[in-house]
Amino acid sequence: MSSQKPEIAIVGAGMGGLTAAATLLRRGFKVQVYEQAERFLRIGAGIQMAANPMKVLRALGLEDRLRQTAFQHRARLHRDYDTGRINSEFDMYSVEQKYGAPHLMMHRGDLHAALLSLLPPDIVHLNKKMKGFTQDADGVTLNFVDGTQARADALVGADGVHSIVRSQLFGNESPNYTGRLAYRATFPAHLLKGVDIGDVATKWWGPDRHIVIYYITAKKDEVYFTTSIPAEKPDLESWSLKGDLGELRAAFKDFHPDVRAVLDACPDTHKWPIYDREPQTSWGRGRVYLLGDACHPMTPYMAQGAASAIEDAAVLARCFEGVDKAGINGAFRQYEATRLPRASKIQSLSHLNKREWMRVDAAAPEAATKEKADPGWVYGYDAWTAPLAKPEMAV
């Protein structure tokens, strides 16, 4: 490789991997992305882009596109599962003024397509399942299941909670199955037959389960819900694992009529086992580091999983700014030292699945700290301007 600017391989074309590719390309790096899927599917799942990841997406030129298609909700509500009593309400229209960017609800596939549009098609390689890698003083060799290889100066493992890159770096330790299952679905709003879910995102809290419901399009013509229920670990693991509508409806038979109306209208559903890990003390070695769910997989309860991966990508690009091949490890260590404390904190709080990360609750004094009571520490973060770790910290 003749250029002194590193060529970077990214394994995984999810939100974090695509954002990393886009931010690094804009800084003049050569990037190649390797994805195990044969094609990209628009699986039925919604996603929230809060103010913190929206600042990254804004800098990539995607904000206008997302505003035109996504739903911007008036408020986030927490309601009792049976009576419907509102326990807390957070004004979402004030988010942009407070934190510098909107909070948008959208289809995961729409966000993925927007990020993919930023990349030249010839740098994204599908059907490339990672087998392993070797690294030496000059670079990293990637080995794929199909028998092919690729060579790069650095490798970013953005290959999700079951990361092959992570397993080779730190051992083949399975992620923690939380004992909970998420049923998820998107479907046309006209199937609700007049039931109005409102211009809000509502989390209905039951004794041992919950469901979150909201629109995911600006026209309010598509509805999304996701649940968390106690369940045995499924035999199969897949983003597209089919769920049983009868089992889903039975799991929420005691919930408010508005919830049951949404589930009765749902024509199809997928289920997803919820995994996480304990926060790690290191995200990589040498020329190989992790990003997103590969290093900090988290439960979805704070809606910050993809957001944290997107933040990772922006900080990674900043740390690589002006770096030549000799500076790869130092850039990676600065990225790790900058991002690990914040991502680990969000990871740990999300695991609790409590409302107290954003407000003080007298019934939960262990969570009632000033820091957790103010959501500004989450939403106010700007990955483009947040202080980078000092060089002496990146060791």
Foldseek 3Di string as FASTA:
>chain_A
DPDQQWAEEEEALALLRLLLVLLQVVLPHHYAYEYQAQDDDQPFDKAKDFQALVLSVVVSVCQVVQVQWWAAFQWEFEAAFFPRHTPDIGGQVCRCVVAPGHMTMARSVSSSVSSVVSDDVVRYHYNFAWDEWDADPQWIWTAGPVGDIDTTLFYEYAPAQQTPHLCVFPNRDHFDQLQKKKKKGKDFPVLLVPQDPHRYWYWHDDPAKIKIKHATTHVSGMIMMMMIHGDDDDPDADPAAWDDLVVVLVVSVNGYPSVSSVSVSTPTIHMHGATFHQQDPAAGDDRYGYAFNHHGRAGCLVSCRSVLSSLLSLLLSVLSNPPTSVCRLLSRLQSCLFRRVVSNVVRVVRSVSDPQQQQADPVCVVSRDPNSNHCCVPNNDHSNPPDTDDSVSSD
